[in-house]
Amino acid sequence: SLGVASAMTVVALLLGGVVGWLLIRRSRHRGLEREH
């Protein structure tokens, strides 16, 4: 059970990091004025 839970946690952390990186990159590329 711990093996399965650990694998799911690692996948969730990696996916969250990639999505967060993409959102930050998009925000910096578009600029603050166009975003808000």
Full PDB file with SEQRES, HELIX, SHEET, SSBOND, CRYST1, ORIGX, SCALE, CONECT and MASTER records, all heavy atoms in Angstrom:
SEQRES   1 A   36  SER LEU GLY VAL ALA SER ALA MET THR VAL VAL ALA LEU          
SEQRES   2 A   36  LEU LEU GLY GLY VAL VAL GLY TRP LEU LEU ILE ARG ARG          
SEQRES   3 A   36  SER ARG HIS ARG GLY LEU GLU ARG GLU HIS                      
HELIX    1 AA1 LEU A    2  ARG A   30  1                                  29    
HELIX    2 AA2 LEU A   32  GLU A   35  1                                   4    
CRYST1    1.000    1.000    1.000  90.00  90.00  90.00 P 1           1          
ORIGX1      1.000000  0.000000  0.000000        0.00000                         
ORIGX2      0.000000  1.000000  0.000000        0.00000                         
ORIGX3      0.000000  0.000000  1.000000        0.00000                         
SCALE1      1.000000  0.000000  0.000000        0.00000                         
SCALE2      0.000000  1.000000  0.000000        0.00000                         
SCALE3      0.000000  0.000000  1.000000        0.00000                         
ATOM      1  N   SER A   1       0.827  -1.210   0.000  1.00  0.00           N  
ATOM      2  CA  SER A   1       0.000   0.000   0.000  1.00  0.00           C  
ATOM      3  C   SER A   1       0.858   1.256   0.000  1.00  0.00           C  
ATOM      4  O   SER A   1       0.578   2.227  -0.705  1.00  0.00           O  
ATOM      5  CB  SER A   1      -0.917   0.028   1.210  1.00  0.00           C  
ATOM      6  OG  SER A   1      -1.774  -1.078   1.203  1.00  0.00           O  
ATOM      7  N   LEU A   2       1.917   1.245   0.813  1.00  0.00           N  
ATOM      8  CA  LEU A   2       2.810   2.405   0.855  1.00  0.00           C  
ATOM      9  C   LEU A   2       3.536   2.587  -0.469  1.00  0.00           C  
ATOM     10  O   LEU A   2       3.783   3.718  -0.888  1.00  0.00           O  
ATOM     11  CB  LEU A   2       3.814   2.252   2.002  1.00  0.00           C  
ATOM     12  CG  LEU A   2       3.248   2.422   3.403  1.00  0.00           C  
ATOM     13  CD1 LEU A   2       4.317   2.131   4.441  1.00  0.00           C  
ATOM     14  CD2 LEU A   2       2.689   3.811   3.597  1.00  0.00           C  
ATOM     15  N   GLY A   3       3.862   1.494  -1.131  1.00  0.00           N  
ATOM     16  CA  GLY A   3       4.512   1.588  -2.437  1.00  0.00           C  
ATOM     17  C   GLY A   3       3.613   2.250  -3.463  1.00  0.00           C  
ATOM     18  O   GLY A   3       4.040   3.127  -4.214  1.00  0.00           O  
ATOM     19  N   VAL A   4       2.352   1.861  -3.493  1.00  0.00           N  
ATOM     20  CA  VAL A   4       1.398   2.456  -4.437  1.00  0.00           C  
ATOM     21  C   VAL A   4       1.154   3.921  -4.086  1.00  0.00           C  
ATOM     22  O   VAL A   4       1.148   4.788  -4.961  1.00  0.00           O  
ATOM     23  CB  VAL A   4       0.072   1.651  -4.429  1.00  0.00           C  
ATOM     24  CG1 VAL A   4      -0.991   2.367  -5.229  1.00  0.00           C  
ATOM     25  CG2 VAL A   4       0.299   0.262  -4.985  1.00  0.00           C  
ATOM     26  N   ALA A   5       0.971   4.218  -2.804  1.00  0.00           N  
ATOM     27  CA  ALA A   5       0.722   5.601  -2.389  1.00  0.00           C  
ATOM     28  C   ALA A   5       1.933   6.486  -2.683  1.00  0.00           C  
ATOM     29  O   ALA A   5       1.787   7.636  -3.119  1.00  0.00           O  
ATOM     30  CB  ALA A   5       0.383   5.647  -0.904  1.00  0.00           C  
ATOM     31  N   SER A   6       3.135   5.962  -2.470  1.00  0.00           N  
ATOM     32  CA  SER A   6       4.343   6.733  -2.758  1.00  0.00           C  
ATOM     33  C   SER A   6       4.476   7.020  -4.245  1.00  0.00           C  
ATOM     34  O   SER A   6       4.835   8.135  -4.640  1.00  0.00           O  
ATOM     35  CB  SER A   6       5.581   5.981  -2.272  1.00  0.00           C  
ATOM     36  OG  SER A   6       5.523   5.792  -0.885  1.00  0.00           O  
ATOM     37  N   ALA A   7       4.183   6.037  -5.069  1.00  0.00           N  
ATOM     38  CA  ALA A   7       4.261   6.245  -6.517  1.00  0.00           C  
ATOM     39  C   ALA A   7       3.251   7.291  -6.970  1.00  0.00           C  
ATOM     40  O   ALA A   7       3.572   8.166  -7.786  1.00  0.00           O  
ATOM     41  CB  ALA A   7       4.011   4.918  -7.245  1.00  0.00           C  
ATOM     42  N   MET A   8       2.039   7.243  -6.433  1.00  0.00           N  
ATOM     43  CA  MET A   8       1.027   8.232  -6.800  1.00  0.00           C  
ATOM     44  C   MET A   8       1.421   9.625  -6.316  1.00  0.00           C  
ATOM     45  O   MET A   8       1.178  10.615  -7.013  1.00  0.00           O  
ATOM     46  CB  MET A   8      -0.337   7.823  -6.225  1.00  0.00           C  
ATOM     47  CG  MET A   8      -0.917   6.615  -6.911  1.00  0.00           C  
ATOM     48  SD  MET A   8      -2.400   5.937  -6.146  1.00  0.00           S  
ATOM     49  CE  MET A   8      -3.448   7.330  -5.977  1.00  0.00           C  
ATOM     50  N   THR A   9       2.054   9.720  -5.152  1.00  0.00           N  
ATOM     51  CA  THR A   9       2.502  11.016  -4.628  1.00  0.00           C  
ATOM     52  C   THR A   9       3.591  11.605  -5.504  1.00  0.00           C  
ATOM     53  O   THR A   9       3.571  12.802  -5.818  1.00  0.00           O  
ATOM     54  CB  THR A   9       3.012  10.850  -3.182  1.00  0.00           C  
ATOM     55  OG1 THR A   9       1.950  10.319  -2.377  1.00  0.00           O  
ATOM     56  CG2 THR A   9       3.471  12.174  -2.609  1.00  0.00           C  
ATOM     57  N   VAL A  10       4.538  10.784  -5.923  1.00  0.00           N  
ATOM     58  CA  VAL A  10       5.617  11.268  -6.789  1.00  0.00           C  
ATOM     59  C   VAL A  10       5.059  11.756  -8.123  1.00  0.00           C  
ATOM     60  O   VAL A  10       5.437  12.821  -8.613  1.00  0.00           O  
ATOM     61  CB  VAL A  10       6.677  10.160  -6.995  1.00  0.00           C  
ATOM     62  CG1 VAL A  10       7.652  10.522  -8.100  1.00  0.00           C  
ATOM     63  CG2 VAL A  10       7.419   9.904  -5.696  1.00  0.00           C  
ATOM     64  N   VAL A  11       4.129  11.015  -8.699  1.00  0.00           N  
ATOM     65  CA  VAL A  11       3.521  11.431  -9.969  1.00  0.00           C  
ATOM     66  C   VAL A  11       2.761  12.738  -9.787  1.00  0.00           C  
ATOM     67  O   VAL A  11       2.855  13.642 -10.628  1.00  0.00           O  
ATOM     68  CB  VAL A  11       2.593  10.314 -10.513  1.00  0.00           C  
ATOM     69  CG1 VAL A  11       1.755  10.814 -11.671  1.00  0.00           C  
ATOM     70  CG2 VAL A  11       3.417   9.117 -10.944  1.00  0.00           C  
ATOM     71  N   ALA A  12       2.018  12.882  -8.692  1.00  0.00           N  
ATOM     72  CA  ALA A  12       1.260  14.119  -8.444  1.00  0.00           C  
ATOM     73  C   ALA A  12       2.199  15.307  -8.265  1.00  0.00           C  
ATOM     74  O   ALA A  12       1.927  16.402  -8.781  1.00  0.00           O  
ATOM     75  CB  ALA A  12       0.374  13.952  -7.213  1.00  0.00           C  
ATOM     76  N   LEU A  13       3.300  15.124  -7.544  1.00  0.00           N  
ATOM     77  CA  LEU A  13       4.253  16.219  -7.354  1.00  0.00           C  
ATOM     78  C   LEU A  13       4.906  16.632  -8.675  1.00  0.00           C  
ATOM     79  O   LEU A  13       5.055  17.830  -8.959  1.00  0.00           O  
ATOM     80  CB  LEU A  13       5.330  15.813  -6.342  1.00  0.00           C  
ATOM     81  CG  LEU A  13       4.878  15.756  -4.888  1.00  0.00           C  
ATOM     82  CD1 LEU A  13       5.981  15.166  -4.010  1.00  0.00           C  
ATOM     83  CD2 LEU A  13       4.496  17.135  -4.400  1.00  0.00           C  
ATOM     84  N   LEU A  14       5.286  15.658  -9.478  1.00  0.00           N  
ATOM     85  CA  LEU A  14       5.893  15.976 -10.779  1.00  0.00           C  
ATOM     86  C   LEU A  14       4.901  16.698 -11.690  1.00  0.00           C  
ATOM     87  O   LEU A  14       5.241  17.694 -12.327  1.00  0.00           O  
ATOM     88  CB  LEU A  14       6.400  14.703 -11.451  1.00  0.00           C  
ATOM     89  CG  LEU A  14       7.635  14.070 -10.825  1.00  0.00           C  
ATOM     90  CD1 LEU A  14       7.947  12.736 -11.501  1.00  0.00           C  
ATOM     91  CD2 LEU A  14       8.823  15.007 -10.919  1.00  0.00           C  
ATOM     92  N   LEU A  15       3.680  16.205 -11.745  1.00  0.00           N  
ATOM     93  CA  LEU A  15       2.666  16.833 -12.586  1.00  0.00           C  
ATOM     94  C   LEU A  15       2.339  18.236 -12.097  1.00  0.00           C  
ATOM     95  O   LEU A  15       2.204  19.166 -12.900  1.00  0.00           O  
ATOM     96  CB  LEU A  15       1.398  15.970 -12.615  1.00  0.00           C  
ATOM     97  CG  LEU A  15       0.319  16.380 -13.598  1.00  0.00           C  
ATOM     98  CD1 LEU A  15       0.850  16.329 -15.025  1.00  0.00           C  
ATOM     99  CD2 LEU A  15      -0.882  15.471 -13.467  1.00  0.00           C  
ATOM    100  N   GLY A  16       2.239  18.433 -10.786  1.00  0.00           N  
ATOM    101  CA  GLY A  16       1.988  19.763 -10.234  1.00  0.00           C  
ATOM    102  C   GLY A  16       3.123  20.719 -10.528  1.00  0.00           C  
ATOM    103  O   GLY A  16       2.905  21.894 -10.836  1.00  0.00           O  
ATOM    104  N   GLY A  17       4.364  20.230 -10.446  1.00  0.00           N  
ATOM    105  CA  GLY A  17       5.514  21.070 -10.771  1.00  0.00           C  
ATOM    106  C   GLY A  17       5.537  21.500 -12.223  1.00  0.00           C  
ATOM    107  O   GLY A  17       5.808  22.663 -12.538  1.00  0.00           O  
ATOM    108  N   VAL A  18       5.211  20.577 -13.121  1.00  0.00           N  
ATOM    109  CA  VAL A  18       5.192  20.907 -14.551  1.00  0.00           C  
ATOM    110  C   VAL A  18       4.077  21.905 -14.862  1.00  0.00           C  
ATOM    111  O   VAL A  18       4.292  22.890 -15.577  1.00  0.00           O  
ATOM    112  CB  VAL A  18       5.023  19.619 -15.398  1.00  0.00           C  
ATOM    113  CG1 VAL A  18       4.717  19.942 -16.845  1.00  0.00           C  
ATOM    114  CG2 VAL A  18       6.281  18.766 -15.290  1.00  0.00           C  
ATOM    115  N   VAL A  19       2.895  21.694 -14.310  1.00  0.00           N  
ATOM    116  CA  VAL A  19       1.783  22.616 -14.553  1.00  0.00           C  
ATOM    117  C   VAL A  19       2.088  23.993 -13.963  1.00  0.00           C  
ATOM    118  O   VAL A  19       1.839  25.031 -14.592  1.00  0.00           O  
ATOM    119  CB  VAL A  19       0.458  22.040 -13.989  1.00  0.00           C  
ATOM    120  CG1 VAL A  19      -0.649  23.085 -14.002  1.00  0.00           C  
ATOM    121  CG2 VAL A  19       0.036  20.821 -14.774  1.00  0.00           C  
ATOM    122  N   GLY A  20       2.659  24.038 -12.760  1.00  0.00           N  
ATOM    123  CA  GLY A  20       3.028  25.315 -12.151  1.00  0.00           C  
ATOM    124  C   GLY A  20       4.077  26.050 -12.966  1.00  0.00           C  
ATOM    125  O   GLY A  20       3.991  27.264 -13.181  1.00  0.00           O  
ATOM    126  N   TRP A  21       5.075  25.310 -13.457  1.00  0.00           N  
ATOM    127  CA  TRP A  21       6.116  25.914 -14.290  1.00  0.00           C  
ATOM    128  C   TRP A  21       5.520  26.487 -15.573  1.00  0.00           C  
ATOM    129  O   TRP A  21       5.871  27.593 -15.994  1.00  0.00           O  
ATOM    130  CB  TRP A  21       7.182  24.863 -14.603  1.00  0.00           C  
ATOM    131  CG  TRP A  21       8.279  25.358 -15.483  1.00  0.00           C  
ATOM    132  CD1 TRP A  21       9.305  26.177 -15.134  1.00  0.00           C  
ATOM    133  CD2 TRP A  21       8.435  25.084 -16.877  1.00  0.00           C  
ATOM    134  NE1 TRP A  21      10.100  26.412 -16.220  1.00  0.00           N  
ATOM    135  CE2 TRP A  21       9.592  25.760 -17.309  1.00  0.00           C  
ATOM    136  CE3 TRP A  21       7.720  24.325 -17.791  1.00  0.00           C  
ATOM    137  CZ2 TRP A  21      10.039  25.700 -18.619  1.00  0.00           C  
ATOM    138  CZ3 TRP A  21       8.170  24.261 -19.094  1.00  0.00           C  
ATOM    139  CH2 TRP A  21       9.301  24.942 -19.495  1.00  0.00           C  
ATOM    140  N   LEU A  22       4.595  25.740 -16.187  1.00  0.00           N  
ATOM    141  CA  LEU A  22       3.958  26.239 -17.414  1.00  0.00           C  
ATOM    142  C   LEU A  22       3.130  27.493 -17.148  1.00  0.00           C  
ATOM    143  O   LEU A  22       3.128  28.430 -17.950  1.00  0.00           O  
ATOM    144  CB  LEU A  22       3.086  25.153 -18.037  1.00  0.00           C  
ATOM    145  CG  LEU A  22       3.843  24.005 -18.711  1.00  0.00           C  
ATOM    146  CD1 LEU A  22       2.862  22.909 -19.129  1.00  0.00           C  
ATOM    147  CD2 LEU A  22       4.634  24.503 -19.900  1.00  0.00           C  
ATOM    148  N   LEU A  23       2.416  27.538 -16.028  1.00  0.00           N  
ATOM    149  CA  LEU A  23       1.612  28.715 -15.707  1.00  0.00           C  
ATOM    150  C   LEU A  23       2.486  29.937 -15.438  1.00  0.00           C  
ATOM    151  O   LEU A  23       2.174  31.048 -15.887  1.00  0.00           O  
ATOM    152  CB  LEU A  23       0.719  28.434 -14.500  1.00  0.00           C  
ATOM    153  CG  LEU A  23      -0.465  27.493 -14.748  1.00  0.00           C  
ATOM    154  CD1 LEU A  23      -1.159  27.172 -13.436  1.00  0.00           C  
ATOM    155  CD2 LEU A  23      -1.427  28.094 -15.748  1.00  0.00           C  
ATOM    156  N   ILE A  24       3.588  29.748 -14.731  1.00  0.00           N  
ATOM    157  CA  ILE A  24       4.501  30.864 -14.467  1.00  0.00           C  
ATOM    158  C   ILE A  24       5.133  31.349 -15.761  1.00  0.00           C  
ATOM    159  O   ILE A  24       5.235  32.554 -16.012  1.00  0.00           O  
ATOM    160  CB  ILE A  24       5.569  30.445 -13.435  1.00  0.00           C  
ATOM    161  CG1 ILE A  24       4.919  30.274 -12.071  1.00  0.00           C  
ATOM    162  CG2 ILE A  24       6.702  31.462 -13.370  1.00  0.00           C  
ATOM    163  CD1 ILE A  24       5.831  29.664 -11.023  1.00  0.00           C  
ATOM    164  N   ARG A  25       5.534  30.412 -16.590  1.00  0.00           N  
ATOM    165  CA  ARG A  25       6.147  30.792 -17.874  1.00  0.00           C  
ATOM    166  C   ARG A  25       5.159  31.556 -18.755  1.00  0.00           C  
ATOM    167  O   ARG A  25       5.510  32.546 -19.385  1.00  0.00           O  
ATOM    168  CB  ARG A  25       6.639  29.532 -18.572  1.00  0.00           C  
ATOM    169  CG  ARG A  25       7.409  29.808 -19.806  1.00  0.00           C  
ATOM    170  CD  ARG A  25       8.022  28.570 -20.350  1.00  0.00           C  
ATOM    171  NE  ARG A  25       8.530  28.892 -21.678  1.00  0.00           N  
ATOM    172  CZ  ARG A  25       9.024  28.032 -22.489  1.00  0.00           C  
ATOM    173  NH1 ARG A  25       9.105  26.777 -22.134  1.00  0.00           N  
ATOM    174  NH2 ARG A  25       9.452  28.388 -23.675  1.00  0.00           N  
ATOM    175  N   ARG A  26       3.915  31.080 -18.801  1.00  0.00           N  
ATOM    176  CA  ARG A  26       2.890  31.768 -19.596  1.00  0.00           C  
ATOM    177  C   ARG A  26       2.637  33.170 -19.055  1.00  0.00           C  
ATOM    178  O   ARG A  26       2.491  34.136 -19.808  1.00  0.00           O  
ATOM    179  CB  ARG A  26       1.590  30.967 -19.582  1.00  0.00           C  
ATOM    180  CG  ARG A  26       0.547  31.539 -20.538  1.00  0.00           C  
ATOM    181  CD  ARG A  26      -0.762  30.868 -20.342  1.00  0.00           C  
ATOM    182  NE  ARG A  26      -1.526  31.762 -19.468  1.00  0.00           N  
ATOM    183  CZ  ARG A  26      -2.679  31.467 -18.924  1.00  0.00           C  
ATOM    184  NH1 ARG A  26      -3.201  30.292 -19.078  1.00  0.00           N  
ATOM    185  NH2 ARG A  26      -3.312  32.336 -18.182  1.00  0.00           N  
ATOM    186  N   SER A  27       2.589  33.305 -17.736  1.00  0.00           N  
ATOM    187  CA  SER A  27       2.338  34.598 -17.124  1.00  0.00           C  
ATOM    188  C   SER A  27       3.464  35.583 -17.434  1.00  0.00           C  
ATOM    189  O   SER A  27       3.209  36.750 -17.745  1.00  0.00           O  
ATOM    190  CB  SER A  27       2.196  34.422 -15.615  1.00  0.00           C  
ATOM    191  OG  SER A  27       2.129  35.659 -14.972  1.00  0.00           O  
ATOM    192  N   ARG A  28       4.697  35.119 -17.368  1.00  0.00           N  
ATOM    193  CA  ARG A  28       5.834  35.996 -17.662  1.00  0.00           C  
ATOM    194  C   ARG A  28       5.910  36.347 -19.140  1.00  0.00           C  
ATOM    195  O   ARG A  28       6.322  37.443 -19.506  1.00  0.00           O  
ATOM    196  CB  ARG A  28       7.128  35.342 -17.216  1.00  0.00           C  
ATOM    197  CG  ARG A  28       7.261  35.315 -15.716  1.00  0.00           C  
ATOM    198  CD  ARG A  28       8.563  34.723 -15.293  1.00  0.00           C  
ATOM    199  NE  ARG A  28       8.668  34.722 -13.835  1.00  0.00           N  
ATOM    200  CZ  ARG A  28       9.611  34.111 -13.164  1.00  0.00           C  
ATOM    201  NH1 ARG A  28      10.563  33.459 -13.803  1.00  0.00           N  
ATOM    202  NH2 ARG A  28       9.623  34.157 -11.855  1.00  0.00           N  
ATOM    203  N   HIS A  29       5.514  35.427 -19.984  1.00  0.00           N  
ATOM    204  CA  HIS A  29       5.549  35.680 -21.425  1.00  0.00           C  
ATOM    205  C   HIS A  29       4.484  36.698 -21.843  1.00  0.00           C  
ATOM    206  O   HIS A  29       4.739  37.562 -22.663  1.00  0.00           O  
ATOM    207  CB  HIS A  29       5.341  34.368 -22.188  1.00  0.00           C  
ATOM    208  CG  HIS A  29       5.316  34.539 -23.668  1.00  0.00           C  
ATOM    209  ND1 HIS A  29       6.436  34.868 -24.396  1.00  0.00           N  
ATOM    210  CD2 HIS A  29       4.297  34.445 -24.556  1.00  0.00           C  
ATOM    211  CE1 HIS A  29       6.097  34.968 -25.671  1.00  0.00           C  
ATOM    212  NE2 HIS A  29       4.803  34.711 -25.797  1.00  0.00           N  
ATOM    213  N   ARG A  30       3.298  36.584 -21.265  1.00  0.00           N  
ATOM    214  CA  ARG A  30       2.209  37.486 -21.629  1.00  0.00           C  
ATOM    215  C   ARG A  30       2.374  38.855 -20.997  1.00  0.00           C  
ATOM    216  O   ARG A  30       1.857  39.841 -21.508  1.00  0.00           O  
ATOM    217  CB  ARG A  30       0.862  36.896 -21.199  1.00  0.00           C  
ATOM    218  CG  ARG A  30       0.512  35.640 -21.991  1.00  0.00           C  
ATOM    219  CD  ARG A  30      -0.753  35.038 -21.520  1.00  0.00           C  
ATOM    220  NE  ARG A  30      -1.866  35.898 -21.894  1.00  0.00           N  
ATOM    221  CZ  ARG A  30      -3.116  35.668 -21.561  1.00  0.00           C  
ATOM    222  NH1 ARG A  30      -3.414  34.636 -20.827  1.00  0.00           N  
ATOM    223  NH2 ARG A  30      -4.068  36.469 -21.949  1.00  0.00           N  
ATOM    224  N   GLY A  31       3.022  38.935 -19.886  1.00  0.00           N  
ATOM    225  CA  GLY A  31       3.207  40.205 -19.207  1.00  0.00           C  
ATOM    226  C   GLY A  31       2.064  40.486 -18.256  1.00  0.00           C  
ATOM    227  O   GLY A  31       0.955  39.983 -18.395  1.00  0.00           O  
ATOM    228  N   LEU A  32       2.335  41.331 -17.282  1.00  0.00           N  
ATOM    229  CA  LEU A  32       1.341  41.623 -16.251  1.00  0.00           C  
ATOM    230  C   LEU A  32       0.197  42.466 -16.793  1.00  0.00           C  
ATOM    231  O   LEU A  32      -0.953  42.292 -16.425  1.00  0.00           O  
ATOM    232  CB  LEU A  32       2.021  42.343 -15.079  1.00  0.00           C  
ATOM    233  CG  LEU A  32       1.156  42.622 -13.865  1.00  0.00           C  
ATOM    234  CD1 LEU A  32       0.636  41.302 -13.289  1.00  0.00           C  
ATOM    235  CD2 LEU A  32       1.945  43.367 -12.816  1.00  0.00           C  
ATOM    236  N   GLU A  33       0.481  43.395 -17.705  1.00  0.00           N  
ATOM    237  CA  GLU A  33      -0.545  44.308 -18.219  1.00  0.00           C  
ATOM    238  C   GLU A  33      -1.616  43.554 -19.004  1.00  0.00           C  
ATOM    239  O   GLU A  33      -2.802  43.839 -18.893  1.00  0.00           O  
ATOM    240  CB  GLU A  33       0.110  45.371 -19.109  1.00  0.00           C  
ATOM    241  CG  GLU A  33      -0.812  46.515 -19.476  1.00  0.00           C  
ATOM    242  CD  GLU A  33      -1.222  47.331 -18.256  1.00  0.00           C  
ATOM    243  OE1 GLU A  33      -0.455  47.418 -17.296  1.00  0.00           O  
ATOM    244  OE2 GLU A  33      -2.351  47.861 -18.275  1.00  0.00           O  
ATOM    245  N   ARG A  34      -1.219  42.589 -19.800  1.00  0.00           N  
ATOM    246  CA  ARG A  34      -2.214  41.832 -20.578  1.00  0.00           C  
ATOM    247  C   ARG A  34      -2.973  40.845 -19.697  1.00  0.00           C  
ATOM    248  O   ARG A  34      -4.106  40.522 -19.971  1.00  0.00           O  
ATOM    249  CB  ARG A  34      -1.518  41.070 -21.703  1.00  0.00           C  
ATOM    250  CG  ARG A  34      -1.241  41.966 -22.873  1.00  0.00           C  
ATOM    251  CD  ARG A  34      -0.835  41.132 -24.049  1.00  0.00           C  
ATOM    252  NE  ARG A  34       0.540  41.531 -24.398  1.00  0.00           N  
ATOM    253  CZ  ARG A  34       1.426  40.762 -24.957  1.00  0.00           C  
ATOM    254  NH1 ARG A  34       1.137  39.530 -25.246  1.00  0.00           N  
ATOM    255  NH2 ARG A  34       2.613  41.199 -25.245  1.00  0.00           N  
ATOM    256  N   GLU A  35      -2.321  40.362 -18.660  1.00  0.00           N  
ATOM    257  CA  GLU A  35      -2.972  39.403 -17.776  1.00  0.00           C  
ATOM    258  C   GLU A  35      -4.055  40.081 -16.933  1.00  0.00           C  
ATOM    259  O   GLU A  35      -5.131  39.551 -16.745  1.00  0.00           O  
ATOM    260  CB  GLU A  35      -1.916  38.759 -16.860  1.00  0.00           C  
ATOM    261  CG  GLU A  35      -2.427  37.622 -16.028  1.00  0.00           C  
ATOM    262  CD  GLU A  35      -2.682  36.366 -16.855  1.00  0.00           C  
ATOM    263  OE1 GLU A  35      -2.020  36.170 -17.884  1.00  0.00           O  
ATOM    264  OE2 GLU A  35      -3.553  35.598 -16.450  1.00  0.00           O  
ATOM    265  N   HIS A  36      -3.761  41.284 -16.416  1.00  0.00           N  
ATOM    266  CA  HIS A  36      -4.705  42.020 -15.582  1.00  0.00           C  
ATOM    267  C   HIS A  36      -4.788  43.454 -16.105  1.00  0.00           C  
ATOM    268  O   HIS A  36      -4.059  44.321 -15.642  1.00  0.00           O  
ATOM    269  CB  HIS A  36      -4.235  42.034 -14.122  1.00  0.00           C  
ATOM    270  CG  HIS A  36      -4.053  40.670 -13.555  1.00  0.00           C  
ATOM    271  ND1 HIS A  36      -5.102  39.870 -13.205  1.00  0.00           N  
ATOM    272  CD2 HIS A  36      -2.934  39.953 -13.291  1.00  0.00           C  
ATOM    273  CE1 HIS A  36      -4.641  38.728 -12.738  1.00  0.00           C  
ATOM    274  NE2 HIS A  36      -3.326  38.757 -12.789  1.00  0.00           N  
TER     275      HIS A  36                                                      
MASTER        0    0    0    2    0    0    0    6  274    1    0    3          
END                                                                             
